[in-house]
Amino acid sequence: MAIFPSKASQNISSINRVVRKHPSLFGIPFLILMVGASFGLSTFTQTRYDLHDKKVKFVNKEQELNLDKNRKKFDIREEYFRLNAASDEHWENKRIPRPAGLPEWGVPPTEPPSQSNTK
């Protein structure tokens, strides 16, 4: 069997000693790198979305003229009457039967029941 030395921590490099003594020397540059990369990549992503928007919104003259060719003029009164006629066709007025012994227009509410156990 091999015998391991009891003082293995003496072989620590100088970089390890500095990082153990001052851990912020590793953490702060890492955070600066992450934040800087985020700002750097934001310009690339913005360019990507701008190009996509430009492709979607671009309509040439021929397409624009075809859109207006067969369009009917909008008249608010015509729309009002059309919607009114459509809403009148699909419903039926049904009266809900009242419980037995209840008059046509109802009765005033009765007194609330007394509470004997208030604990």
PDB file of N, CA and C in Angstrom:
ATOM      1  N   MET A   1       0.813  -1.183   0.000  1.00  0.00           N
ATOM      2  CA  MET A   1       0.000   0.000   0.000  1.00  0.00           C
ATOM      3  C   MET A   1       0.859   1.249   0.000  1.00  0.00           C
ATOM      4  N   ALA A   2       0.311   2.280  -0.690  1.00  0.00           N
ATOM      5  CA  ALA A   2       1.043   3.533  -0.759  1.00  0.00           C
ATOM      6  C   ALA A   2       0.760   4.368   0.474  1.00  0.00           C
ATOM      7  N   ILE A   3       1.753   5.075   0.885  1.00  0.00           N
ATOM      8  CA  ILE A   3       1.607   5.948   2.046  1.00  0.00           C
ATOM      9  C   ILE A   3       1.488   7.369   1.528  1.00  0.00           C
ATOM     10  N   PHE A   4       0.402   8.039   1.938  1.00  0.00           N
ATOM     11  CA  PHE A   4       0.171   9.419   1.524  1.00  0.00           C
ATOM     12  C   PHE A   4       0.817  10.370   2.520  1.00  0.00           C
ATOM     13  N   PRO A   5       1.377  11.453   2.011  1.00  0.00           N
ATOM     14  CA  PRO A   5       1.996  12.400   2.949  1.00  0.00           C
ATOM     15  C   PRO A   5       0.923  13.094   3.784  1.00  0.00           C
ATOM     16  N   SER A   6       1.234  13.366   5.028  1.00  0.00           N
ATOM     17  CA  SER A   6       0.257  13.979   5.924  1.00  0.00           C
ATOM     18  C   SER A   6       0.110  15.474   5.690  1.00  0.00           C
ATOM     19  N   LYS A   7       1.072  16.116   5.072  1.00  0.00           N
ATOM     20  CA  LYS A   7       1.011  17.558   4.842  1.00  0.00           C
ATOM     21  C   LYS A   7       0.869  17.831   3.338  1.00  0.00           C
ATOM     22  N   ALA A   8      -0.293  17.482   2.768  1.00  0.00           N
ATOM     23  CA  ALA A   8      -0.524  17.673   1.345  1.00  0.00           C
ATOM     24  C   ALA A   8      -0.849  19.129   1.025  1.00  0.00           C
ATOM     25  N   SER A   9      -1.293  19.923   2.004  1.00  0.00           N
ATOM     26  CA  SER A   9      -1.692  21.303   1.754  1.00  0.00           C
ATOM     27  C   SER A   9      -0.507  22.248   1.560  1.00  0.00           C
ATOM     28  N   GLN A  10       0.711  21.792   1.769  1.00  0.00           N
ATOM     29  CA  GLN A  10       1.866  22.657   1.583  1.00  0.00           C
ATOM     30  C   GLN A  10       2.179  22.865   0.108  1.00  0.00           C
ATOM     31  N   ASN A  11       1.659  22.041  -0.785  1.00  0.00           N
ATOM     32  CA  ASN A  11       1.950  22.140  -2.203  1.00  0.00           C
ATOM     33  C   ASN A  11       0.936  23.016  -2.953  1.00  0.00           C
ATOM     34  N   ILE A  12       0.310  23.950  -2.289  1.00  0.00           N
ATOM     35  CA  ILE A  12      -0.683  24.835  -2.900  1.00  0.00           C
ATOM     36  C   ILE A  12       0.044  25.896  -3.712  1.00  0.00           C
ATOM     37  N   SER A  13      -0.442  26.145  -4.938  1.00  0.00           N
ATOM     38  CA  SER A  13       0.202  27.142  -5.786  1.00  0.00           C
ATOM     39  C   SER A  13      -0.100  28.557  -5.283  1.00  0.00           C
ATOM     40  N   SER A  14       0.645  29.506  -5.807  1.00  0.00           N
ATOM     41  CA  SER A  14       0.474  30.888  -5.357  1.00  0.00           C
ATOM     42  C   SER A  14      -0.888  31.444  -5.782  1.00  0.00           C
ATOM     43  N   ILE A  15      -1.406  30.994  -6.930  1.00  0.00           N
ATOM     44  CA  ILE A  15      -2.726  31.464  -7.388  1.00  0.00           C
ATOM     45  C   ILE A  15      -3.814  30.987  -6.432  1.00  0.00           C
ATOM     46  N   ASN A  16      -3.719  29.734  -5.995  1.00  0.00           N
ATOM     47  CA  ASN A  16      -4.706  29.209  -5.056  1.00  0.00           C
ATOM     48  C   ASN A  16      -4.675  29.972  -3.740  1.00  0.00           C
ATOM     49  N   ARG A  17      -3.480  30.321  -3.271  1.00  0.00           N
ATOM     50  CA  ARG A  17      -3.379  31.076  -2.015  1.00  0.00           C
ATOM     51  C   ARG A  17      -4.032  32.448  -2.138  1.00  0.00           C
ATOM     52  N   VAL A  18      -3.819  33.114  -3.267  1.00  0.00           N
ATOM     53  CA  VAL A  18      -4.378  34.459  -3.464  1.00  0.00           C
ATOM     54  C   VAL A  18      -5.905  34.380  -3.554  1.00  0.00           C
ATOM     55  N   VAL A  19      -6.436  33.377  -4.275  1.00  0.00           N
ATOM     56  CA  VAL A  19      -7.890  33.253  -4.419  1.00  0.00           C
ATOM     57  C   VAL A  19      -8.536  32.890  -3.092  1.00  0.00           C
ATOM     58  N   ARG A  20      -7.842  32.044  -2.289  1.00  0.00           N
ATOM     59  CA  ARG A  20      -8.385  31.707  -0.964  1.00  0.00           C
ATOM     60  C   ARG A  20      -8.380  32.920  -0.035  1.00  0.00           C
ATOM     61  N   LYS A  21      -7.380  33.747  -0.166  1.00  0.00           N
ATOM     62  CA  LYS A  21      -7.279  34.924   0.706  1.00  0.00           C
ATOM     63  C   LYS A  21      -8.238  36.025   0.268  1.00  0.00           C
ATOM     64  N   HIS A  22      -8.367  36.234  -1.049  1.00  0.00           N
ATOM     65  CA  HIS A  22      -9.235  37.280  -1.599  1.00  0.00           C
ATOM     66  C   HIS A  22     -10.143  36.660  -2.674  1.00  0.00           C
ATOM     67  N   PRO A  23     -11.275  36.062  -2.313  1.00  0.00           N
ATOM     68  CA  PRO A  23     -12.140  35.416  -3.313  1.00  0.00           C
ATOM     69  C   PRO A  23     -12.760  36.413  -4.296  1.00  0.00           C
ATOM     70  N   SER A  24     -12.806  37.685  -3.952  1.00  0.00           N
ATOM     71  CA  SER A  24     -13.393  38.669  -4.864  1.00  0.00           C
ATOM     72  C   SER A  24     -12.528  38.880  -6.105  1.00  0.00           C
ATOM     73  N   LEU A  25     -11.242  38.512  -6.052  1.00  0.00           N
ATOM     74  CA  LEU A  25     -10.374  38.642  -7.222  1.00  0.00           C
ATOM     75  C   LEU A  25     -10.831  37.740  -8.355  1.00  0.00           C
ATOM     76  N   PHE A  26     -11.543  36.675  -8.020  1.00  0.00           N
ATOM     77  CA  PHE A  26     -12.106  35.801  -9.051  1.00  0.00           C
ATOM     78  C   PHE A  26     -13.549  36.204  -9.374  1.00  0.00           C
ATOM     79  N   GLY A  27     -14.332  36.586  -8.371  1.00  0.00           N
ATOM     80  CA  GLY A  27     -15.765  36.860  -8.541  1.00  0.00           C
ATOM     81  C   GLY A  27     -16.064  38.145  -9.290  1.00  0.00           C
ATOM     82  N   ILE A  28     -15.358  39.214  -8.991  1.00  0.00           N
ATOM     83  CA  ILE A  28     -15.645  40.511  -9.610  1.00  0.00           C
ATOM     84  C   ILE A  28     -15.361  40.503 -11.116  1.00  0.00           C
ATOM     85  N   PRO A  29     -14.225  40.003 -11.575  1.00  0.00           N
ATOM     86  CA  PRO A  29     -14.024  39.962 -13.028  1.00  0.00           C
ATOM     87  C   PRO A  29     -15.044  39.073 -13.739  1.00  0.00           C
ATOM     88  N   PHE A  30     -15.464  38.010 -13.082  1.00  0.00           N
ATOM     89  CA  PHE A  30     -16.479  37.132 -13.665  1.00  0.00           C
ATOM     90  C   PHE A  30     -17.800  37.877 -13.846  1.00  0.00           C
ATOM     91  N   LEU A  31     -18.212  38.616 -12.825  1.00  0.00           N
ATOM     92  CA  LEU A  31     -19.450  39.387 -12.916  1.00  0.00           C
ATOM     93  C   LEU A  31     -19.343  40.478 -13.978  1.00  0.00           C
ATOM     94  N   ILE A  32     -18.197  41.142 -14.061  1.00  0.00           N
ATOM     95  CA  ILE A  32     -17.999  42.179 -15.084  1.00  0.00           C
ATOM     96  C   ILE A  32     -18.100  41.564 -16.478  1.00  0.00           C
ATOM     97  N   LEU A  33     -17.523  40.393 -16.647  1.00  0.00           N
ATOM     98  CA  LEU A  33     -17.592  39.703 -17.928  1.00  0.00           C
ATOM     99  C   LEU A  33     -19.033  39.345 -18.294  1.00  0.00           C
ATOM    100  N   MET A  34     -19.810  38.855 -17.339  1.00  0.00           N
ATOM    101  CA  MET A  34     -21.203  38.466 -17.604  1.00  0.00           C
ATOM    102  C   MET A  34     -22.059  39.687 -17.960  1.00  0.00           C
ATOM    103  N   VAL A  35     -21.925  40.770 -17.222  1.00  0.00           N
ATOM    104  CA  VAL A  35     -22.713  41.975 -17.494  1.00  0.00           C
ATOM    105  C   VAL A  35     -22.310  42.584 -18.832  1.00  0.00           C
ATOM    106  N   GLY A  36     -21.002  42.641 -19.108  1.00  0.00           N
ATOM    107  CA  GLY A  36     -20.530  43.181 -20.388  1.00  0.00           C
ATOM    108  C   GLY A  36     -21.013  42.350 -21.562  1.00  0.00           C
ATOM    109  N   ALA A  37     -20.994  41.026 -21.423  1.00  0.00           N
ATOM    110  CA  ALA A  37     -21.477  40.151 -22.500  1.00  0.00           C
ATOM    111  C   ALA A  37     -22.968  40.345 -22.720  1.00  0.00           C
ATOM    112  N   SER A  38     -23.701  40.561 -21.651  1.00  0.00           N
ATOM    113  CA  SER A  38     -25.140  40.804 -21.781  1.00  0.00           C
ATOM    114  C   SER A  38     -25.410  42.066 -22.593  1.00  0.00           C
ATOM    115  N   PHE A  39     -24.692  43.140 -22.286  1.00  0.00           N
ATOM    116  CA  PHE A  39     -24.866  44.378 -23.042  1.00  0.00           C
ATOM    117  C   PHE A  39     -24.403  44.209 -24.490  1.00  0.00           C
ATOM    118  N   GLY A  40     -23.328  43.471 -24.687  1.00  0.00           N
ATOM    119  CA  GLY A  40     -22.830  43.251 -26.045  1.00  0.00           C
ATOM    120  C   GLY A  40     -23.792  42.449 -26.890  1.00  0.00           C
ATOM    121  N   LEU A  41     -24.384  41.424 -26.303  1.00  0.00           N
ATOM    122  CA  LEU A  41     -25.318  40.580 -27.060  1.00  0.00           C
ATOM    123  C   LEU A  41     -26.666  41.264 -27.287  1.00  0.00           C
ATOM    124  N   SER A  42     -26.999  42.233 -26.461  1.00  0.00           N
ATOM    125  CA  SER A  42     -28.290  42.902 -26.636  1.00  0.00           C
ATOM    126  C   SER A  42     -28.354  43.644 -27.979  1.00  0.00           C
ATOM    127  N   THR A  43     -27.226  44.167 -28.443  1.00  0.00           N
ATOM    128  CA  THR A  43     -27.235  44.842 -29.745  1.00  0.00           C
ATOM    129  C   THR A  43     -27.499  43.853 -30.866  1.00  0.00           C
ATOM    130  N   PHE A  44     -26.921  42.642 -30.771  1.00  0.00           N
ATOM    131  CA  PHE A  44     -27.168  41.629 -31.800  1.00  0.00           C
ATOM    132  C   PHE A  44     -28.625  41.173 -31.806  1.00  0.00           C
ATOM    133  N   THR A  45     -29.203  40.968 -30.627  1.00  0.00           N
ATOM    134  CA  THR A  45     -30.604  40.535 -30.580  1.00  0.00           C
ATOM    135  C   THR A  45     -31.528  41.637 -31.082  1.00  0.00           C
ATOM    136  N   GLN A  46     -31.211  42.895 -30.763  1.00  0.00           N
ATOM    137  CA  GLN A  46     -32.037  44.005 -31.244  1.00  0.00           C
ATOM    138  C   GLN A  46     -32.002  44.080 -32.762  1.00  0.00           C
ATOM    139  N   THR A  47     -30.831  43.867 -33.345  1.00  0.00           N
ATOM    140  CA  THR A  47     -30.703  43.864 -34.803  1.00  0.00           C
ATOM    141  C   THR A  47     -31.538  42.747 -35.407  1.00  0.00           C
ATOM    142  N   ARG A  48     -31.516  41.595 -34.776  1.00  0.00           N
ATOM    143  CA  ARG A  48     -32.299  40.450 -35.262  1.00  0.00           C
ATOM    144  C   ARG A  48     -33.784  40.787 -35.292  1.00  0.00           C
ATOM    145  N   TYR A  49     -34.295  41.355 -34.198  1.00  0.00           N
ATOM    146  CA  TYR A  49     -35.728  41.673 -34.142  1.00  0.00           C
ATOM    147  C   TYR A  49     -36.089  42.813 -35.091  1.00  0.00           C
ATOM    148  N   ASP A  50     -35.188  43.768 -35.281  1.00  0.00           N
ATOM    149  CA  ASP A  50     -35.449  44.853 -36.232  1.00  0.00           C
ATOM    150  C   ASP A  50     -35.573  44.316 -37.652  1.00  0.00           C
ATOM    151  N   LEU A  51     -34.696  43.408 -38.040  1.00  0.00           N
ATOM    152  CA  LEU A  51     -34.764  42.816 -39.381  1.00  0.00           C
ATOM    153  C   LEU A  51     -36.046  42.010 -39.561  1.00  0.00           C
ATOM    154  N   HIS A  52     -36.435  41.283 -38.525  1.00  0.00           N
ATOM    155  CA  HIS A  52     -37.678  40.508 -38.603  1.00  0.00           C
ATOM    156  C   HIS A  52     -38.884  41.433 -38.753  1.00  0.00           C
ATOM    157  N   ASP A  53     -38.903  42.532 -38.002  1.00  0.00           N
ATOM    158  CA  ASP A  53     -39.993  43.511 -38.117  1.00  0.00           C
ATOM    159  C   ASP A  53     -40.059  44.101 -39.521  1.00  0.00           C
ATOM    160  N   LYS A  54     -38.897  44.393 -40.083  1.00  0.00           N
ATOM    161  CA  LYS A  54     -38.853  44.987 -41.414  1.00  0.00           C
ATOM    162  C   LYS A  54     -39.425  44.031 -42.460  1.00  0.00           C
ATOM    163  N   LYS A  55     -39.132  42.733 -42.335  1.00  0.00           N
ATOM    164  CA  LYS A  55     -39.645  41.746 -43.275  1.00  0.00           C
ATOM    165  C   LYS A  55     -41.163  41.615 -43.157  1.00  0.00           C
ATOM    166  N   VAL A  56     -41.658  41.642 -41.935  1.00  0.00           N
ATOM    167  CA  VAL A  56     -43.092  41.446 -41.715  1.00  0.00           C
ATOM    168  C   VAL A  56     -43.887  42.665 -42.164  1.00  0.00           C
ATOM    169  N   LYS A  57     -43.407  43.871 -41.930  1.00  0.00           N
ATOM    170  CA  LYS A  57     -44.160  45.083 -42.211  1.00  0.00           C
ATOM    171  C   LYS A  57     -44.043  45.564 -43.658  1.00  0.00           C
ATOM    172  N   PHE A  58     -43.126  45.008 -44.426  1.00  0.00           N
ATOM    173  CA  PHE A  58     -42.897  45.490 -45.776  1.00  0.00           C
ATOM    174  C   PHE A  58     -43.987  44.980 -46.716  1.00  0.00           C
ATOM    175  N   VAL A  59     -44.726  45.897 -47.332  1.00  0.00           N
ATOM    176  CA  VAL A  59     -45.752  45.564 -48.323  1.00  0.00           C
ATOM    177  C   VAL A  59     -45.447  46.398 -49.556  1.00  0.00           C
ATOM    178  N   ASN A  60     -45.315  45.724 -50.704  1.00  0.00           N
ATOM    179  CA  ASN A  60     -44.997  46.490 -51.903  1.00  0.00           C
ATOM    180  C   ASN A  60     -46.258  47.143 -52.481  1.00  0.00           C
ATOM    181  N   LYS A  61     -46.086  47.982 -53.482  1.00  0.00           N
ATOM    182  CA  LYS A  61     -47.200  48.751 -54.048  1.00  0.00           C
ATOM    183  C   LYS A  61     -48.274  47.848 -54.639  1.00  0.00           C
ATOM    184  N   GLU A  62     -47.896  46.762 -55.320  1.00  0.00           N
ATOM    185  CA  GLU A  62     -48.884  45.878 -55.945  1.00  0.00           C
ATOM    186  C   GLU A  62     -49.790  45.242 -54.895  1.00  0.00           C
ATOM    187  N   GLN A  63     -49.206  44.783 -53.790  1.00  0.00           N
ATOM    188  CA  GLN A  63     -50.012  44.197 -52.725  1.00  0.00           C
ATOM    189  C   GLN A  63     -50.914  45.249 -52.090  1.00  0.00           C
ATOM    190  N   GLU A  64     -50.403  46.449 -51.939  1.00  0.00           N
ATOM    191  CA  GLU A  64     -51.199  47.521 -51.344  1.00  0.00           C
ATOM    192  C   GLU A  64     -52.397  47.871 -52.224  1.00  0.00           C
ATOM    193  N   LEU A  65     -52.207  47.911 -53.547  1.00  0.00           N
ATOM    194  CA  LEU A  65     -53.300  48.217 -54.459  1.00  0.00           C
ATOM    195  C   LEU A  65     -54.339  47.106 -54.477  1.00  0.00           C
ATOM    196  N   ASN A  66     -53.917  45.861 -54.381  1.00  0.00           N
ATOM    197  CA  ASN A  66     -54.863  44.743 -54.349  1.00  0.00           C
ATOM    198  C   ASN A  66     -55.705  44.744 -53.085  1.00  0.00           C
ATOM    199  N   LEU A  67     -55.176  45.283 -52.016  1.00  0.00           N
ATOM    200  CA  LEU A  67     -55.946  45.334 -50.778  1.00  0.00           C
ATOM    201  C   LEU A  67     -57.124  46.295 -50.908  1.00  0.00           C
ATOM    202  N   ASP A  68     -56.929  47.406 -51.594  1.00  0.00           N
ATOM    203  CA  ASP A  68     -57.977  48.407 -51.712  1.00  0.00           C
ATOM    204  C   ASP A  68     -58.949  48.139 -52.858  1.00  0.00           C
ATOM    205  N   LYS A  69     -58.641  47.206 -53.721  1.00  0.00           N
ATOM    206  CA  LYS A  69     -59.421  46.994 -54.940  1.00  0.00           C
ATOM    207  C   LYS A  69     -60.864  46.547 -54.651  1.00  0.00           C
ATOM    208  N   ASN A  70     -61.058  45.523 -53.887  1.00  0.00           N
ATOM    209  CA  ASN A  70     -62.391  44.953 -53.672  1.00  0.00           C
ATOM    210  C   ASN A  70     -62.978  45.322 -52.314  1.00  0.00           C
ATOM    211  N   ARG A  71     -62.520  46.370 -51.734  1.00  0.00           N
ATOM    212  CA  ARG A  71     -62.988  46.736 -50.402  1.00  0.00           C
ATOM    213  C   ARG A  71     -64.328  47.468 -50.475  1.00  0.00           C
ATOM    214  N   LYS A  72     -65.252  47.077 -49.587  1.00  0.00           N
ATOM    215  CA  LYS A  72     -66.549  47.727 -49.500  1.00  0.00           C
ATOM    216  C   LYS A  72     -66.460  48.888 -48.513  1.00  0.00           C
ATOM    217  N   LYS A  73     -67.161  49.975 -48.792  1.00  0.00           N
ATOM    218  CA  LYS A  73     -67.152  51.112 -47.870  1.00  0.00           C
ATOM    219  C   LYS A  73     -67.830  50.720 -46.564  1.00  0.00           C
ATOM    220  N   PHE A  74     -67.319  51.228 -45.485  1.00  0.00           N
ATOM    221  CA  PHE A  74     -67.853  50.919 -44.163  1.00  0.00           C
ATOM    222  C   PHE A  74     -68.935  51.927 -43.804  1.00  0.00           C
ATOM    223  N   ASP A  75     -70.110  51.417 -43.389  1.00  0.00           N
ATOM    224  CA  ASP A  75     -71.208  52.281 -42.964  1.00  0.00           C
ATOM    225  C   ASP A  75     -71.640  51.820 -41.581  1.00  0.00           C
ATOM    226  N   ILE A  76     -71.541  52.688 -40.588  1.00  0.00           N
ATOM    227  CA  ILE A  76     -71.829  52.310 -39.207  1.00  0.00           C
ATOM    228  C   ILE A  76     -73.295  51.947 -39.018  1.00  0.00           C
ATOM    229  N   ARG A  77     -74.187  52.627 -39.744  1.00  0.00           N
ATOM    230  CA  ARG A  77     -75.617  52.321 -39.606  1.00  0.00           C
ATOM    231  C   ARG A  77     -75.931  50.925 -40.131  1.00  0.00           C
ATOM    232  N   GLU A  78     -75.313  50.568 -41.238  1.00  0.00           N
ATOM    233  CA  GLU A  78     -75.525  49.239 -41.801  1.00  0.00           C
ATOM    234  C   GLU A  78     -75.028  48.159 -40.838  1.00  0.00           C
ATOM    235  N   GLU A  79     -73.891  48.385 -40.214  1.00  0.00           N
ATOM    236  CA  GLU A  79     -73.365  47.424 -39.238  1.00  0.00           C
ATOM    237  C   GLU A  79     -74.286  47.317 -38.036  1.00  0.00           C
ATOM    238  N   TYR A  80     -74.826  48.439 -37.583  1.00  0.00           N
ATOM    239  CA  TYR A  80     -75.733  48.431 -36.439  1.00  0.00           C
ATOM    240  C   TYR A  80     -76.962  47.582 -36.730  1.00  0.00           C
ATOM    241  N   PHE A  81     -77.578  47.792 -37.880  1.00  0.00           N
ATOM    242  CA  PHE A  81     -78.778  47.025 -38.218  1.00  0.00           C
ATOM    243  C   PHE A  81     -78.452  45.554 -38.450  1.00  0.00           C
ATOM    244  N   ARG A  82     -77.309  45.269 -39.020  1.00  0.00           N
ATOM    245  CA  ARG A  82     -76.924  43.876 -39.253  1.00  0.00           C
ATOM    246  C   ARG A  82     -76.714  43.146 -37.922  1.00  0.00           C
ATOM    247  N   LEU A  83     -76.055  43.784 -36.962  1.00  0.00           N
ATOM    248  CA  LEU A  83     -75.826  43.158 -35.666  1.00  0.00           C
ATOM    249  C   LEU A  83     -77.115  43.030 -34.867  1.00  0.00           C
ATOM    250  N   ASN A  84     -78.006  44.007 -34.980  1.00  0.00           N
ATOM    251  CA  ASN A  84     -79.296  43.921 -34.293  1.00  0.00           C
ATOM    252  C   ASN A  84     -80.118  42.761 -34.824  1.00  0.00           C
ATOM    253  N   ALA A  85     -80.159  42.594 -36.120  1.00  0.00           N
ATOM    254  CA  ALA A  85     -80.945  41.520 -36.718  1.00  0.00           C
ATOM    255  C   ALA A  85     -80.379  40.156 -36.327  1.00  0.00           C
ATOM    256  N   ALA A  86     -79.072  40.042 -36.253  1.00  0.00           N
ATOM    257  CA  ALA A  86     -78.452  38.767 -35.902  1.00  0.00           C
ATOM    258  C   ALA A  86     -78.715  38.418 -34.446  1.00  0.00           C
ATOM    259  N   SER A  87     -78.723  39.399 -33.558  1.00  0.00           N
ATOM    260  CA  SER A  87     -78.917  39.104 -32.140  1.00  0.00           C
ATOM    261  C   SER A  87     -80.367  38.754 -31.829  1.00  0.00           C
ATOM    262  N   ASP A  88     -81.332  39.223 -32.625  1.00  0.00           N
ATOM    263  CA  ASP A  88     -82.736  38.933 -32.359  1.00  0.00           C
ATOM    264  C   ASP A  88     -83.129  37.512 -32.743  1.00  0.00           C
ATOM    265  N   GLU A  89     -82.377  36.851 -33.575  1.00  0.00           N
ATOM    266  CA  GLU A  89     -82.776  35.549 -34.098  1.00  0.00           C
ATOM    267  C   GLU A  89     -82.485  34.387 -33.160  1.00  0.00           C
ATOM    268  N   HIS A  90     -81.528  34.504 -32.287  1.00  0.00           N
ATOM    269  CA  HIS A  90     -81.020  33.323 -31.597  1.00  0.00           C
ATOM    270  C   HIS A  90     -81.392  33.227 -30.123  1.00  0.00           C
ATOM    271  N   TRP A  91     -82.455  33.828 -29.688  1.00  0.00           N
ATOM    272  CA  TRP A  91     -82.831  33.671 -28.294  1.00  0.00           C
ATOM    273  C   TRP A  91     -84.350  33.607 -28.166  1.00  0.00           C
ATOM    274  N   GLU A  92     -84.772  33.048 -27.047  1.00  0.00           N
ATOM    275  CA  GLU A  92     -86.196  32.910 -26.800  1.00  0.00           C
ATOM    276  C   GLU A  92     -86.437  33.266 -25.340  1.00  0.00           C
ATOM    277  N   ASN A  93     -87.458  34.063 -25.110  1.00  0.00           N
ATOM    278  CA  ASN A  93     -87.784  34.484 -23.764  1.00  0.00           C
ATOM    279  C   ASN A  93     -88.559  33.370 -23.066  1.00  0.00           C
ATOM    280  N   LYS A  94     -87.994  32.799 -22.003  1.00  0.00           N
ATOM    281  CA  LYS A  94     -88.661  31.736 -21.257  1.00  0.00           C
ATOM    282  C   LYS A  94     -88.823  32.184 -19.814  1.00  0.00           C
ATOM    283  N   ARG A  95     -89.989  32.002 -19.292  1.00  0.00           N
ATOM    284  CA  ARG A  95     -90.247  32.355 -17.908  1.00  0.00           C
ATOM    285  C   ARG A  95     -89.908  31.163 -17.019  1.00  0.00           C
ATOM    286  N   ILE A  96     -89.208  31.437 -15.936  1.00  0.00           N
ATOM    287  CA  ILE A  96     -88.836  30.382 -14.999  1.00  0.00           C
ATOM    288  C   ILE A  96     -90.009  30.171 -14.035  1.00  0.00           C
ATOM    289  N   PRO A  97     -90.448  28.931 -13.848  1.00  0.00           N
ATOM    290  CA  PRO A  97     -91.587  28.691 -12.935  1.00  0.00           C
ATOM    291  C   PRO A  97     -91.208  29.041 -11.486  1.00  0.00           C
ATOM    292  N   ARG A  98     -92.147  29.664 -10.804  1.00  0.00           N
ATOM    293  CA  ARG A  98     -91.913  30.039  -9.412  1.00  0.00           C
ATOM    294  C   ARG A  98     -92.228  28.857  -8.502  1.00  0.00           C
ATOM    295  N   PRO A  99     -91.629  28.840  -7.303  1.00  0.00           N
ATOM    296  CA  PRO A  99     -91.948  27.762  -6.355  1.00  0.00           C
ATOM    297  C   PRO A  99     -93.430  27.814  -5.966  1.00  0.00           C
ATOM    298  N   ALA A 100     -93.949  26.681  -5.552  1.00  0.00           N
ATOM    299  CA  ALA A 100     -95.375  26.593  -5.185  1.00  0.00           C
ATOM    300  C   ALA A 100     -95.657  27.489  -3.990  1.00  0.00           C
ATOM    301  N   GLY A 101     -96.766  28.211  -4.057  1.00  0.00           N
ATOM    302  CA  GLY A 101     -97.197  29.067  -2.962  1.00  0.00           C
ATOM    303  C   GLY A 101     -96.570  30.446  -2.952  1.00  0.00           C
ATOM    304  N   LEU A 102     -95.729  30.778  -3.870  1.00  0.00           N
ATOM    305  CA  LEU A 102     -95.098  32.099  -3.916  1.00  0.00           C
ATOM    306  C   LEU A 102     -95.903  32.987  -4.855  1.00  0.00           C
ATOM    307  N   PRO A 103     -96.307  34.193  -4.399  1.00  0.00           N
ATOM    308  CA  PRO A 103     -97.076  35.069  -5.277  1.00  0.00           C
ATOM    309  C   PRO A 103     -96.239  35.559  -6.476  1.00  0.00           C
ATOM    310  N   GLU A 104     -96.916  36.193  -7.427  1.00  0.00           N
ATOM    311  CA  GLU A 104     -96.290  36.612  -8.686  1.00  0.00           C
ATOM    312  C   GLU A 104     -95.064  37.500  -8.470  1.00  0.00           C
ATOM    313  N   TRP A 105     -95.151  38.482  -7.593  1.00  0.00           N
ATOM    314  CA  TRP A 105     -94.041  39.431  -7.418  1.00  0.00           C
ATOM    315  C   TRP A 105     -93.207  39.130  -6.185  1.00  0.00           C
ATOM    316  N   GLY A 106     -93.360  37.984  -5.588  1.00  0.00           N
ATOM    317  CA  GLY A 106     -92.536  37.599  -4.448  1.00  0.00           C
ATOM    318  C   GLY A 106     -93.080  38.160  -3.146  1.00  0.00           C
ATOM    319  N   VAL A 107     -92.431  37.840  -2.072  1.00  0.00           N
ATOM    320  CA  VAL A 107     -92.828  38.309  -0.740  1.00  0.00           C
ATOM    321  C   VAL A 107     -91.622  38.966  -0.081  1.00  0.00           C
ATOM    322  N   PRO A 108     -91.855  39.857   0.887  1.00  0.00           N
ATOM    323  CA  PRO A 108     -90.717  40.442   1.588  1.00  0.00           C
ATOM    324  C   PRO A 108     -89.976  39.356   2.377  1.00  0.00           C
ATOM    325  N   PRO A 109     -88.692  39.545   2.599  1.00  0.00           N
ATOM    326  CA  PRO A 109     -87.933  38.523   3.324  1.00  0.00           C
ATOM    327  C   PRO A 109     -88.417  38.392   4.755  1.00  0.00           C
ATOM    328  N   THR A 110     -88.336  37.190   5.247  1.00  0.00           N
ATOM    329  CA  THR A 110     -88.742  36.920   6.635  1.00  0.00           C
ATOM    330  C   THR A 110     -87.596  37.287   7.570  1.00  0.00           C
ATOM    331  N   GLU A 111     -87.901  37.294   8.869  1.00  0.00           N
ATOM    332  CA  GLU A 111     -86.867  37.606   9.838  1.00  0.00           C
ATOM    333  C   GLU A 111     -85.825  36.475   9.867  1.00  0.00           C
ATOM    334  N   PRO A 112     -84.563  36.827  10.083  1.00  0.00           N
ATOM    335  CA  PRO A 112     -83.547  35.782  10.149  1.00  0.00           C
ATOM    336  C   PRO A 112     -83.786  34.869  11.343  1.00  0.00           C
ATOM    337  N   PRO A 113     -83.412  33.607  11.232  1.00  0.00           N
ATOM    338  CA  PRO A 113     -83.623  32.689  12.359  1.00  0.00           C
ATOM    339  C   PRO A 113     -82.794  33.105  13.546  1.00  0.00           C
ATOM    340  N   SER A 114     -83.350  32.912  14.745  1.00  0.00           N
ATOM    341  CA  SER A 114     -82.641  33.306  15.954  1.00  0.00           C
ATOM    342  C   SER A 114     -81.505  32.315  16.207  1.00  0.00           C
ATOM    343  N   GLN A 115     -80.416  32.841  16.730  1.00  0.00           N
ATOM    344  CA  GLN A 115     -79.256  31.988  17.008  1.00  0.00           C
ATOM    345  C   GLN A 115     -79.221  31.694  18.503  1.00  0.00           C
ATOM    346  N   SER A 116     -79.531  30.456  18.848  1.00  0.00           N
ATOM    347  CA  SER A 116     -79.562  30.090  20.268  1.00  0.00           C
ATOM    348  C   SER A 116     -78.172  29.748  20.768  1.00  0.00           C
ATOM    349  N   ASN A 117     -77.322  29.171  19.941  1.00  0.00           N
ATOM    350  CA  ASN A 117     -75.946  28.829  20.339  1.00  0.00           C
ATOM    351  C   ASN A 117     -74.996  29.888  19.776  1.00  0.00           C
ATOM    352  N   THR A 118     -74.611  30.846  20.606  1.00  0.00           N
ATOM    353  CA  THR A 118     -73.737  31.923  20.155  1.00  0.00           C
ATOM    354  C   THR A 118     -72.295  31.721  20.599  1.00  0.00           C
ATOM    355  N   LYS A 119     -71.977  30.580  21.135  1.00  0.00           N
ATOM    356  CA  LYS A 119     -70.622  30.341  21.636  1.00  0.00           C
ATOM    357  C   LYS A 119     -69.722  29.861  20.580  1.00  0.00           C
TER     358      LYS A 119
END
